[in-house]
Protein backbone atom coordinates (compact mmCIF):
# COMPACT_ATOMS: atom_id res chain seq x y z
CA MET A 1 -9.48 25.39 21.80
CA SER A 2 -10.88 22.85 24.04
CA ILE A 3 -11.16 18.73 24.45
CA HIS A 4 -14.37 17.77 23.74
CA THR A 5 -15.92 14.16 25.36
CA VAL A 6 -18.26 12.83 22.82
CA ALA A 7 -20.85 10.02 23.43
CA THR A 8 -20.70 7.30 21.03
CA GLN A 9 -21.26 3.21 20.99
CA PRO A 10 -19.36 0.42 19.53
CA ILE A 11 -19.56 -0.04 15.70
CA ALA A 12 -19.30 -3.61 14.33
CA GLY A 13 -17.05 -4.60 11.87
CA GLN A 14 -14.09 -2.88 13.35
CA LYS A 15 -11.62 -5.87 13.68
CA PRO A 16 -8.18 -4.87 12.07
CA GLY A 17 -6.90 -7.59 9.67
CA THR A 18 -3.33 -8.64 8.53
CA SER A 19 -2.83 -4.82 7.69
CA GLY A 20 -5.12 -2.65 9.78
CA LEU A 21 -8.58 -1.77 9.29
CA ARG A 22 -9.70 -1.65 5.70
CA LYS A 23 -12.92 -0.75 4.41
CA GLN A 24 -14.98 1.35 1.83
CA THR A 25 -13.83 4.79 1.91
CA ARG A 26 -17.60 6.35 2.50
CA VAL A 27 -17.74 3.89 5.52
CA PHE A 28 -14.96 5.74 6.97
CA GLN A 29 -16.68 8.77 6.40
CA GLN A 30 -19.73 7.92 8.38
CA PRO A 31 -20.13 9.73 11.49
CA HIS A 32 -18.03 8.55 14.29
CA PHE A 33 -16.59 5.35 12.35
CA LEU A 34 -12.94 6.90 12.18
CA GLU A 35 -13.00 8.38 15.49
CA ASN A 36 -14.57 5.34 17.31
CA PHE A 37 -11.36 3.30 15.78
CA ILE A 38 -8.55 5.93 16.72
CA GLN A 39 -9.59 6.09 20.23
CA SER A 40 -9.52 2.25 20.44
CA ILE A 41 -6.13 2.51 18.83
CA TRP A 42 -5.75 4.66 22.27
CA THR A 43 -6.80 2.29 24.27
CA GLY A 44 -5.75 -0.48 23.25
CA ILE A 45 -1.62 0.60 23.28
CA GLY A 46 -2.43 1.64 26.76
CA GLY A 47 -2.96 5.17 25.79
CA VAL A 48 -0.83 8.06 24.11
CA ALA A 49 -0.04 10.57 27.17
CA GLY A 50 3.44 11.58 26.78
CA LYS A 51 4.01 9.49 23.29
CA THR A 52 5.95 10.43 20.15
CA LEU A 53 3.66 9.52 17.11
CA VAL A 54 4.31 9.14 13.67
CA LEU A 55 1.46 10.04 11.20
CA GLY A 56 1.30 9.86 7.28
CA GLY A 57 -0.29 8.47 4.58
CA ASP A 58 -0.91 7.34 0.88
CA GLY A 59 -2.82 10.53 -0.27
CA ARG A 60 -5.73 8.64 -1.39
CA HIS A 61 -9.01 10.43 -0.70
CA PHE A 62 -10.04 11.42 2.79
CA ASN A 63 -6.07 11.11 3.59
CA ALA A 64 -6.13 14.80 4.62
CA GLU A 65 -9.51 14.88 6.72
CA ALA A 66 -8.50 12.17 8.21
CA ALA A 67 -5.14 12.84 9.10
CA GLN A 68 -6.25 16.12 11.00
CA VAL A 69 -9.05 13.46 13.05
CA VAL A 70 -5.75 12.04 14.18
CA LEU A 71 -4.01 14.71 15.00
CA ARG A 72 -6.66 16.52 17.12
CA MET A 73 -7.37 13.23 19.27
CA ALA A 74 -3.82 12.69 19.57
CA ALA A 75 -3.88 16.25 21.25
CA ALA A 76 -6.99 16.13 23.42
CA SER A 77 -5.43 11.99 24.66
CA GLY A 78 -2.42 14.07 26.05
CA ALA A 79 0.51 13.18 23.46
CA ALA A 80 3.79 14.98 23.56
CA ARG A 81 4.74 15.29 19.62
CA VAL A 82 2.96 13.95 16.48
CA ILE A 83 5.64 13.73 13.35
CA VAL A 84 3.70 14.23 10.07
CA GLY A 85 4.72 13.90 6.70
CA ARG A 86 4.14 17.15 5.01
CA GLY A 87 1.03 17.28 3.21
CA ALA A 88 -0.20 14.29 5.87
CA LEU A 89 1.69 12.24 3.22
CA LEU A 90 4.43 9.41 3.86
CA SER A 91 4.96 6.14 1.98
CA THR A 92 4.79 2.91 4.24
CA PRO A 93 8.30 2.47 4.27
CA ALA A 94 9.26 5.89 5.28
CA ALA A 95 6.95 5.82 8.38
CA SER A 96 8.71 2.64 9.49
CA ASN A 97 11.66 4.40 9.19
CA LEU A 98 10.84 7.36 11.13
CA ILE A 99 9.50 5.39 13.65
CA ARG A 100 12.56 3.97 14.13
CA LYS A 101 15.15 6.85 13.54
CA ARG A 102 13.17 9.18 15.95
CA HIS A 103 12.57 6.47 18.74
CA ALA A 104 8.96 7.15 18.56
CA ASP A 105 6.06 5.01 20.43
CA GLY A 106 4.70 4.01 17.07
CA GLY A 107 2.69 5.43 14.40
CA ILE A 108 -0.47 5.80 12.47
CA ILE A 109 -0.31 5.05 8.69
CA LEU A 110 -3.33 6.10 6.29
CA SER A 111 -3.88 3.57 3.58
CA ALA A 112 -5.46 0.96 1.84
CA SER A 113 -2.35 -0.26 0.17
CA HIS A 114 -2.88 -1.52 -3.15
CA ASN A 115 -6.68 -1.09 -2.78
CA PRO A 116 -8.06 1.41 -5.61
CA GLY A 117 -8.72 4.97 -4.00
CA GLY A 118 -11.53 7.82 -4.56
CA PRO A 119 -14.89 8.31 -2.92
CA GLU A 120 -15.79 4.98 -3.97
CA GLY A 121 -13.07 3.09 -3.34
CA ASP A 122 -11.36 2.09 -0.27
CA PHE A 123 -9.31 3.64 2.77
CA GLY A 124 -7.81 2.35 5.49
CA VAL A 125 -5.76 2.80 9.15
CA LYS A 126 -3.12 1.03 10.46
CA TYR A 127 -1.22 1.22 13.75
CA ASN A 128 2.71 0.24 13.80
CA THR A 129 4.39 -0.29 16.98
CA ALA A 130 7.72 1.28 18.20
CA ASN A 131 9.83 -1.30 16.07
CA GLY A 132 8.33 0.33 12.71
CA GLY A 133 6.56 -2.51 12.08
CA PRO A 134 2.24 -3.30 11.80
CA ALA A 135 0.82 -3.95 15.34
CA PRO A 136 1.10 -8.08 16.18
CA GLU A 137 -1.93 -9.82 16.97
CA SER A 138 -1.45 -9.39 20.42
CA VAL A 139 -2.12 -5.63 20.23
CA THR A 140 -4.57 -5.82 17.75
CA GLU A 141 -6.91 -8.10 19.69
CA LYS A 142 -6.95 -5.47 22.69
CA ILE A 143 -7.64 -2.68 19.84
CA PHE A 144 -10.56 -4.83 18.41
CA ALA A 145 -11.81 -5.16 22.10
CA ALA A 146 -11.67 -1.62 22.77
CA THR A 147 -13.81 -1.00 19.89
CA LYS A 148 -16.69 -3.45 21.30
CA ASP A 149 -16.61 -1.29 24.65
CA ILE A 150 -16.36 2.04 23.96
CA THR A 151 -18.65 4.37 25.13
CA GLU A 152 -17.05 8.04 24.00
CA TYR A 153 -13.83 9.69 22.61
CA ARG A 154 -12.25 12.94 22.95
CA ILE A 155 -11.43 15.11 20.01
CA PHE A 156 -9.68 18.58 20.21
CA GLU A 157 -11.90 21.30 18.62
CA THR A 158 -9.94 23.60 16.84
CA GLN A 159 -8.46 24.63 13.26
CA ASN A 160 -7.23 22.69 11.00
CA ALA A 161 -2.93 21.88 11.29
CA ASP A 162 -1.20 23.63 8.32
CA LEU A 163 0.22 20.59 7.22
CA SER A 164 1.95 22.48 4.21
CA ALA A 165 5.13 23.99 5.77
CA LEU A 166 8.17 22.21 7.26
CA GLY A 167 8.60 23.30 10.96
CA GLU A 168 6.96 22.57 14.44
CA GLN A 169 3.58 23.82 15.80
CA THR A 170 1.32 23.15 18.42
CA MET A 171 -1.87 22.10 19.17
CA GLY A 172 -2.78 22.55 23.18
CA ASP A 173 0.02 20.96 24.58
CA MET A 174 1.14 18.55 21.80
CA VAL A 175 4.08 19.53 19.35
CA ILE A 176 3.41 19.02 15.54
CA GLU A 177 6.26 18.58 13.67
CA VAL A 178 6.16 18.66 9.82
CA VAL A 179 9.12 17.17 8.16
CA ASP A 180 9.74 16.56 4.27
CA PRO A 181 8.46 12.88 3.77
CA VAL A 182 11.40 11.95 1.19
CA ALA A 183 14.70 12.88 2.90
CA ASP A 184 15.01 10.69 5.93
CA TYR A 185 13.93 7.98 3.55
CA ALA A 186 16.41 8.97 0.51
CA ASP A 187 19.32 9.13 3.17
CA LEU A 188 18.78 5.52 4.42
CA MET A 189 18.71 4.28 0.89
CA ALA A 190 21.84 5.77 0.26
CA SER A 191 23.66 4.05 3.50
CA ILE A 192 22.45 0.76 1.77
CA PHE A 193 23.26 0.64 -2.04
CA ASP A 194 26.09 1.63 -3.90
CA PHE A 195 25.19 5.00 -5.31
CA ASP A 196 28.14 5.43 -7.42
CA ALA A 197 27.92 2.55 -8.94
CA LEU A 198 24.01 3.22 -9.54
CA LYS A 199 25.26 6.75 -10.94
CA ALA A 200 27.57 4.81 -13.13
CA LEU A 201 24.70 2.44 -14.31
CA PHE A 202 22.65 5.24 -16.27
CA ALA A 203 25.69 7.52 -17.23
CA SER A 204 26.42 4.49 -19.32
CA GLY A 205 22.83 4.73 -20.96
CA PHE A 206 21.08 2.28 -19.10
CA ARG A 207 17.30 2.76 -19.63
CA MET A 208 14.54 2.43 -16.92
CA ARG A 209 11.12 2.99 -16.60
CA PHE A 210 9.38 3.05 -13.25
CA ASP A 211 5.69 3.58 -12.59
CA ALA A 212 4.57 5.19 -9.59
CA MET A 213 0.64 4.71 -10.52
CA HIS A 214 -0.24 7.99 -9.60
CA ALA A 215 0.50 7.21 -5.54
CA ILE A 216 3.02 7.93 -2.76
CA THR A 217 6.21 6.94 -4.48
CA GLY A 218 6.08 9.15 -7.24
CA PRO A 219 7.99 12.06 -4.97
CA TYR A 220 10.36 9.37 -3.60
CA ALA A 221 11.28 7.84 -7.39
CA HIS A 222 11.71 11.12 -8.71
CA ALA A 223 14.12 12.50 -5.97
CA ILE A 224 16.18 9.32 -6.10
CA LEU A 225 16.18 7.73 -9.57
CA GLU A 226 16.00 11.10 -11.33
CA ASP A 227 17.71 13.96 -8.99
CA THR A 228 20.11 11.66 -7.25
CA LEU A 229 21.10 8.74 -9.57
CA GLY A 230 21.30 10.56 -12.64
CA ALA A 231 17.97 8.53 -14.57
CA GLU A 232 16.73 10.55 -17.17
CA LYS A 233 13.58 12.72 -17.14
CA GLY A 234 10.75 10.63 -17.75
CA THR A 235 12.12 7.73 -16.11
CA VAL A 236 9.54 7.87 -13.72
CA ILE A 237 5.77 7.97 -14.90
CA ASN A 238 2.63 8.81 -13.23
CA GLY A 239 4.61 10.19 -10.95
CA ILE A 240 2.41 12.85 -8.96
CA PRO A 241 -0.14 11.60 -6.02
CA SER A 242 -3.43 11.58 -6.80
CA THR A 243 -6.33 11.07 -4.41
CA ASP A 244 -7.92 8.10 -6.82
CA PHE A 245 -4.67 7.31 -8.19
CA GLY A 246 -5.32 8.39 -11.72
CA ASN A 247 -8.64 6.35 -11.05
CA GLY A 248 -6.60 3.55 -11.50
CA HIS A 249 -5.90 0.27 -9.46
CA PRO A 250 -2.84 0.98 -7.70
CA ASP A 251 -1.68 -2.89 -7.67
CA PRO A 252 1.99 -3.73 -9.11
CA ASN A 253 1.24 -6.51 -11.21
CA PRO A 254 0.99 -7.39 -14.85
CA ILE A 255 -3.09 -6.82 -14.90
CA TRP A 256 -2.83 -3.16 -13.34
CA ALA A 257 0.55 -2.14 -14.86
CA LYS A 258 -0.51 -3.25 -18.44
CA PRO A 259 0.95 -0.40 -19.87
CA LEU A 260 4.32 -0.97 -17.91
CA MET A 261 4.12 -4.38 -19.02
CA ASP A 262 3.43 -3.28 -22.89
CA GLU A 263 6.28 -0.94 -23.07
CA MET A 264 8.69 -3.69 -21.51
CA MET A 265 7.51 -6.29 -24.07
CA SER A 266 7.82 -3.98 -26.88
CA GLU A 267 11.05 -3.83 -29.78
CA GLY A 268 12.11 -0.55 -28.09
CA ALA A 269 11.95 -1.60 -24.59
CA PRO A 270 14.21 -0.47 -21.54
CA ASP A 271 16.62 -2.34 -19.82
CA PHE A 272 14.62 -2.52 -16.85
CA GLY A 273 10.99 -1.53 -15.73
CA ALA A 274 9.28 -1.42 -12.13
CA ALA A 275 6.42 -0.16 -10.50
CA SER A 276 5.22 0.22 -6.97
CA ASP A 277 1.85 0.63 -5.07
CA GLY A 278 -0.27 2.99 -3.41
CA ASP A 279 1.49 3.33 -0.40
CA GLY A 280 4.91 2.31 -1.71
CA ASP A 281 5.73 -1.01 0.08
CA ARG A 282 5.12 -3.11 -3.07
CA ASN A 283 7.13 -3.80 -6.31
CA MET A 284 7.04 -5.49 -9.51
CA ILE A 285 9.61 -5.93 -11.19
CA VAL A 286 10.60 -6.90 -15.29
CA GLY A 287 13.08 -6.42 -17.49
CA LYS A 288 13.11 -5.99 -21.24
CA HIS A 289 10.98 -9.10 -22.58
CA GLN A 290 11.10 -10.74 -19.10
CA TYR A 291 8.53 -10.43 -16.28
CA VAL A 292 9.90 -11.30 -12.85
CA THR A 293 7.76 -13.20 -10.32
CA PRO A 294 7.86 -11.75 -6.84
CA SER A 295 8.94 -15.10 -5.55
CA ASP A 296 11.49 -15.32 -8.05
CA SER A 297 12.70 -11.70 -7.20
CA LEU A 298 13.05 -12.66 -3.70
CA ALA A 299 14.90 -15.24 -4.23
CA VAL A 300 17.32 -13.78 -6.95
CA LEU A 301 17.74 -10.84 -4.31
CA ALA A 302 18.64 -13.51 -1.65
CA ALA A 303 21.32 -15.34 -4.28
CA ASN A 304 23.13 -11.88 -4.90
CA ALA A 305 22.75 -9.97 -1.68
CA THR A 306 26.21 -9.62 -1.18
CA LEU A 307 26.63 -7.35 -4.01
CA VAL A 308 24.80 -4.66 -1.95
CA PRO A 309 27.05 -2.91 0.65
CA ALA A 310 24.50 -3.31 3.30
CA TYR A 311 24.53 -7.09 2.79
CA SER A 312 27.98 -7.72 1.69
CA GLY A 313 28.92 -9.94 4.68
CA GLY A 314 26.24 -12.18 4.11
CA LEU A 315 22.36 -12.84 5.17
CA LYS A 316 21.58 -14.06 8.92
CA GLY A 317 18.79 -16.07 7.14
CA VAL A 318 15.51 -15.39 5.43
CA ALA A 319 11.69 -15.45 5.66
CA ARG A 320 8.64 -15.99 3.23
CA SER A 321 4.78 -16.06 3.86
CA MET A 322 3.78 -19.33 3.43
CA PRO A 323 1.70 -18.99 -0.02
CA THR A 324 5.16 -17.86 -1.99
CA SER A 325 6.88 -20.64 -3.78
CA GLN A 326 9.82 -22.09 -2.24
CA ALA A 327 12.27 -20.50 -4.89
CA VAL A 328 13.66 -18.90 -1.80
CA ASP A 329 14.11 -22.01 0.15
CA ARG A 330 16.52 -23.38 -2.51
CA VAL A 331 18.65 -20.41 -2.47
CA ALA A 332 18.97 -20.44 1.56
CA ALA A 333 19.93 -24.30 1.27
CA SER A 334 22.59 -23.45 -0.57
CA LEU A 335 23.86 -20.59 1.25
CA GLY A 336 23.25 -22.78 4.80
CA ILE A 337 20.94 -20.22 6.08
CA ASP A 338 17.75 -20.76 7.91
CA CYS A 339 14.60 -20.42 5.53
CA PHE A 340 11.43 -19.65 8.13
CA GLU A 341 7.93 -20.07 6.54
CA THR A 342 5.64 -17.55 8.40
CA PRO A 343 1.81 -16.88 7.86
CA THR A 344 0.81 -13.65 5.49
CA GLY A 345 1.14 -10.59 6.92
CA TRP A 346 4.50 -8.32 7.17
CA LYS A 347 4.11 -8.50 10.96
CA PHE A 348 4.77 -11.99 11.58
CA PHE A 349 8.28 -11.35 10.01
CA GLY A 350 8.94 -8.54 12.72
CA ASN A 351 10.22 -11.00 15.42
CA LEU A 352 12.74 -12.84 13.31
CA LEU A 353 13.92 -9.65 11.88
CA ASP A 354 14.24 -8.09 15.65
CA ALA A 355 16.08 -10.95 17.05
CA GLY A 356 18.35 -10.84 13.97
CA ARG A 357 17.14 -14.48 12.93
CA CYS A 358 16.74 -13.36 9.29
CA THR A 359 17.75 -10.12 6.73
CA LEU A 360 15.48 -10.58 3.83
CA CYS A 361 12.07 -11.46 3.81
CA GLY A 362 9.11 -11.50 1.04
CA GLU A 363 5.70 -12.41 0.19
CA GLU A 364 4.36 -13.39 -3.04
CA SER A 365 1.81 -10.44 -3.46
CA ALA A 366 4.75 -8.04 -4.66
CA GLY A 367 6.37 -7.29 -1.16
CA THR A 368 10.02 -7.61 -0.53
CA GLY A 369 12.16 -6.21 2.54
CA SER A 370 14.57 -6.43 4.90
CA ASP A 371 16.01 -5.67 8.21
CA HIS A 372 16.27 -1.89 7.11
CA VAL A 373 13.01 -1.04 8.19
CA ARG A 374 9.87 -3.27 9.52
CA GLU A 375 7.52 -3.17 6.44
CA LYS A 376 7.84 -4.37 2.71
CA ASP A 377 9.53 -1.60 1.11
CA GLY A 378 9.08 -1.21 -2.82
CA LEU A 379 11.95 1.31 -3.90
CA TRP A 380 14.48 -0.49 -1.71
CA ALA A 381 13.61 -3.63 -3.99
CA VAL A 382 13.54 -1.76 -7.15
CA LEU A 383 17.08 -0.11 -5.77
CA PHE A 384 18.51 -3.72 -4.74
CA TRP A 385 17.92 -4.73 -8.29
CA LEU A 386 19.71 -2.18 -10.00
CA ASN A 387 22.52 -2.22 -7.54
CA ILE A 388 22.77 -6.24 -8.75
CA LEU A 389 22.56 -5.64 -12.32
CA ALA A 390 25.20 -2.74 -11.57
CA GLN A 391 27.57 -5.39 -10.47
CA LYS A 392 26.82 -8.11 -12.78
CA LYS A 393 26.73 -5.99 -16.46
CA ILE A 394 23.98 -8.50 -17.36
CA SER A 395 20.55 -8.18 -18.25
CA VAL A 396 17.35 -9.13 -16.29
CA LYS A 397 16.70 -11.63 -18.77
CA GLU A 398 20.26 -13.00 -18.39
CA LEU A 399 20.10 -13.17 -14.67
CA MET A 400 16.71 -14.86 -14.64
CA ALA A 401 18.36 -17.76 -17.00
CA GLN A 402 21.53 -17.83 -15.15
CA HIS A 403 19.41 -18.27 -11.73
CA TRP A 404 16.92 -20.86 -12.69
CA ALA A 405 20.05 -22.70 -14.63
CA GLU A 406 21.48 -22.69 -10.61
CA PHE A 407 18.88 -23.45 -8.66
CA GLY A 408 15.81 -24.81 -10.90
CA ARG A 409 12.38 -22.80 -11.61
CA ASN A 410 9.78 -22.89 -9.61
CA TYR A 411 6.66 -22.05 -11.83
CA TYR A 412 4.35 -20.08 -9.92
CA SER A 413 1.10 -18.32 -10.26
CA ARG A 414 -1.92 -16.82 -7.94
CA HIS A 415 -5.51 -17.22 -9.09
CA ASP A 416 -7.80 -14.75 -7.72
CA TYR A 417 -11.55 -15.12 -7.18
CA GLU A 418 -12.73 -11.77 -6.06
CA GLY A 419 -16.15 -10.58 -4.27
CA VAL A 420 -16.88 -14.32 -3.62
CA ASP A 421 -19.88 -14.80 -1.45
CA ALA A 422 -18.61 -15.05 1.66
CA ALA A 423 -20.74 -18.02 2.85
CA ALA A 424 -19.49 -19.66 -0.50
CA ALA A 425 -16.11 -18.95 0.01
CA ASN A 426 -16.20 -20.46 4.06
CA ALA A 427 -17.89 -23.15 2.67
CA LEU A 428 -15.16 -24.40 0.41
CA MET A 429 -12.72 -24.00 2.69
CA ASP A 430 -14.38 -25.86 5.38
CA ASP A 431 -15.81 -28.70 2.81
CA LEU A 432 -11.70 -29.43 2.10
CA ARG A 433 -10.42 -28.93 5.53
CA ALA A 434 -12.63 -31.73 6.84
CA ARG A 435 -11.57 -33.75 4.27
CA MET A 436 -8.00 -32.98 4.64
CA ALA A 437 -6.78 -36.27 6.70
CA THR A 438 -8.10 -38.55 3.76
CA LEU A 439 -6.32 -37.18 0.88
CA PRO A 440 -2.89 -38.37 1.41
CA GLY A 441 -2.28 -41.32 -1.18
CA THR A 442 -5.44 -40.25 -3.29
CA GLN A 443 -5.23 -39.54 -7.04
CA VAL A 444 -6.22 -36.30 -8.29
CA ALA A 445 -6.17 -34.97 -12.34
CA GLY A 446 -3.34 -37.20 -12.70
CA LEU A 447 -1.44 -36.40 -9.64
CA THR A 448 -0.74 -38.36 -6.00
CA VAL A 449 -1.56 -36.11 -3.14
CA LYS A 450 1.47 -36.36 -0.44
CA THR A 451 0.80 -33.82 2.15
CA ALA A 452 -2.17 -32.00 3.19
CA ASP A 453 -2.63 -29.84 6.04
CA ASP A 454 -4.17 -26.36 7.39
CA PHE A 455 -0.95 -24.10 8.10
CA ALA A 456 -0.20 -23.49 11.87
CA TYR A 457 2.80 -21.02 12.53
CA ASP A 458 4.61 -21.53 15.94
CA ASP A 459 6.47 -18.27 16.18
CA PRO A 460 10.46 -19.10 17.36
CA ILE A 461 10.63 -15.92 19.17
CA ASP A 462 7.57 -15.52 21.23
CA GLY A 463 6.23 -19.23 21.09
CA SER A 464 3.07 -17.93 20.26
CA ARG A 465 0.61 -19.79 17.92
CA THR A 466 -1.01 -18.97 14.85
CA GLU A 467 -3.63 -21.44 13.48
CA HIS A 468 -5.63 -21.30 10.21
CA GLN A 469 -3.45 -19.75 7.92
CA GLY A 470 -4.62 -21.40 4.46
CA ILE A 471 -4.71 -24.77 3.28
CA ARG A 472 -1.40 -26.81 1.71
CA ILE A 473 -1.76 -29.70 -0.32
CA GLY A 474 1.82 -31.11 -1.72
CA PHE A 475 2.25 -33.67 -4.18
CA GLU A 476 4.47 -36.54 -5.17
CA THR A 477 6.16 -34.62 -8.02
CA GLY A 478 7.16 -31.93 -5.85
CA ALA A 479 4.02 -29.54 -7.06
CA ARG A 480 2.09 -27.65 -4.10
CA LEU A 481 -1.13 -26.02 -3.88
CA VAL A 482 -2.07 -23.27 -1.48
CA LEU A 483 -5.80 -22.15 -0.83
CA ARG A 484 -6.73 -19.16 1.55
CA LEU A 485 -9.10 -16.48 1.88
CA SER A 486 -7.72 -13.29 1.80
CA GLY A 487 -7.69 -10.18 4.40
CA THR A 488 -7.11 -7.62 2.13
CA GLY A 489 -10.40 -6.77 0.40
CA THR A 490 -13.54 -5.23 1.54
CA VAL A 491 -16.14 -6.54 -0.06
CA GLY A 492 -17.51 -10.23 0.05
CA ALA A 493 -14.53 -12.79 0.34
CA THR A 494 -11.13 -12.86 -2.04
CA LEU A 495 -10.18 -16.71 -2.46
CA ARG A 496 -6.81 -17.34 -3.27
CA VAL A 497 -5.48 -19.94 -5.21
CA TYR A 498 -1.29 -20.51 -5.64
CA LEU A 499 0.01 -22.75 -7.88
CA GLU A 500 3.18 -23.84 -7.79
CA THR A 501 5.72 -26.88 -9.77
CA LEU A 502 9.50 -27.13 -9.83
CA GLU A 503 11.15 -27.91 -13.05
CA THR A 504 14.68 -28.46 -13.26
CA GLU A 505 15.14 -28.80 -17.36
CA ASN A 506 12.37 -27.20 -19.39
CA LEU A 507 13.24 -23.85 -17.73
CA HIS A 508 11.56 -21.48 -20.75
CA MET A 509 7.89 -22.68 -20.58
CA ASP A 510 4.79 -20.55 -20.34
CA ALA A 511 3.71 -20.55 -16.16
CA GLN A 512 0.58 -21.55 -16.72
CA GLU A 513 1.24 -24.23 -19.21
CA ALA A 514 3.89 -25.35 -16.78
CA LEU A 515 1.14 -25.40 -14.11
CA ALA A 516 -2.01 -27.07 -15.76
CA PRO A 517 -1.92 -30.07 -13.92
CA VAL A 518 -1.86 -28.21 -10.63
CA ILE A 519 -4.59 -26.02 -11.93
CA ALA A 520 -6.47 -28.90 -13.00
CA ALA A 521 -5.83 -30.57 -9.48
CA ALA A 522 -6.98 -27.23 -7.28
CA GLU A 523 -10.86 -27.51 -9.54
CA ALA A 524 -11.03 -31.23 -9.00
CA LEU A 525 -10.32 -30.85 -4.77
CA ALA A 526 -11.78 -27.44 -4.09
CA GLY A 527 -14.78 -27.72 -6.42
CA ILE A 528 -13.94 -24.14 -7.31
CA ARG A 529 -16.37 -23.65 -10.04
CA GLU A 530 -19.36 -25.64 -8.33
CA LYS A 531 -19.54 -23.82 -4.85
CA THR A 532 -18.52 -20.46 -5.76
CA GLY A 533 -20.40 -19.87 -9.49
CA ARG A 534 -17.22 -18.66 -10.88
CA ALA A 535 -15.64 -19.98 -14.12
CA GLU A 536 -12.29 -18.66 -14.04
CA PRO A 537 -10.60 -16.39 -11.86
CA ASP A 538 -10.69 -12.49 -12.05
CA VAL A 539 -6.93 -11.90 -11.71
CA ILE A 540 -4.15 -14.13 -12.47
CA THR A 541 -0.27 -13.44 -11.44
C-alpha cells in the first residue's frame, strides 16, 4: 500500500449546483474527473486530516466504484474514519442522520437524486457539512475555486475495501466502519412517530402500496412498513435497488410513477399510495382516487403536525421554497407562526432549522422534511401521512376535502420544458427580466399584473443575500406565475414554469382547467413557444 500523488489539471464544468455536482455518468468516468472533484472538496473544506466522514449513495451505476475512490482519497489525505453504509448504500436522509448522530465532520453522498441512472444516465457527488445538510454556497464556492486551480490529487493505491460485511477495517491509518444503512434511520423514525398507532392501522385492514422505484428506499420501506409495522407483504413494490432503477426514471410524480397512479385510481385501489425517488429524499402521496400535490402535502402536514408525537408541542415555524405554492402560508397564518420563503435548494433551510426558527419545510419538487435531519426525507413524509390518517381515521380524499374547505385550495402545477437550448432559455429569462419594471398595471391574457420581481433572499440568520432565484409575477386576482431555470439537469437547460391560483369556492376542479388563465398569461408574457420552439411542456405535474 502506498500513497500516489497524481498530476492533473483543471477540468471545466465542475461547479456544484443546488445539490452538488451532477453530470452524465460517462463524464464522471472520464480520467481524473471524479478524483479532481473529490480532491477539490477536501481543499474547499480545509482538508480531511483527522476528520470523520460519512459515505454512501443510492446504488446507481458507478456508485460502488466511486465509493472506493472516495475511500482511497480520504485515506491518502489523512482522514481518521469513514462510516460507510454496507454495499456503499445510504439514502440521503439516512446519511444526514448518521452525520448528526455520529458527530461526523461531514459526508459524501453519491447520487443524482431523481435523475435516471445506468451507463447512459446521470451520476452525482454532494458534500454535506457537519449539521447533516448540503454545503452552503460559502462552501461550494470554495470547492469550485479549488477545481479551477487543482494541479494534483492524492490517492491510496491498494485493494478495494470490503464493504459487504459489517464491522471495522483499516486502509493505511484510516478506519473504515461499515454499518447497516437502515438501522439508525429506522430507530429515528420510531422516535418521531407513533408506531403503535401505525401497527394498529395496518392490523385493522388498512392497505397501502409503496413504490420504491427500484431505488434506495426499498430496503428501508421493507424493514419499516412490512417488517416493523405489519403492512402486508407486497405493500412495497420495486423494492430492490437497481443500478439503472429498473431502466426507469426514479422521480416520484404522476408521470414516472404511472403504474402506481393507475392502481390508486382503480376501483380496487388500496387506501394509501406513496413513492420515493433515487436517493430517498423525495415523496409522492396519493390516496384512493385522490392525488396530493407536494405543496398541498406540506400544508396538510403543517395543519396536522400536533397529531405526531415529535411535533405534539406545536411548530416553531414553517418554510417553503419560493416556487412552492402558498398553501402552507395560509396554514401558518392560522397557527400564528412564521412562514419563510427561500430560494430553491434544501441548503437554504439549514440555517432556519439550526437556529430553531422552523420545524417543517418543503419544496414543490416532492421534497418535505423537518428538523429531525437536514435533508428532505421521503419515507419520513409517508410515515407522517400514515400517522395523521391513523389518528383522524378518515381517507386521504376526505382529509383533503376538509383541508380545502378550511383553508381554500391553491390550484397548482409545474410545467417543465426539458433539454431546451441553454442560450434560448437564458435569452427568454433575460428578456422577461428586462421588462419586469413595466409589467405592473398591464393586462395579460385577461389578468392584470400586480407585481413582478426577480426573487432575492436575505438569510435572516447569517445575513447572506442570494439573488436571481426566479422571476415572480403576481396578478390582481391573487394568482401567481414563476419562471426559473433548474440546476438539476445535465443536458441543456430545463425551464420550469410554476402556476398557481387560489380558489375558495370551486374546490374540486381539474387543476389545468383552473389554471388556464395563468397558463395563457405565461405564454403571452414569456413567449415560450416562439423563443424555445416548444409547443408544449415535456412534463406537467
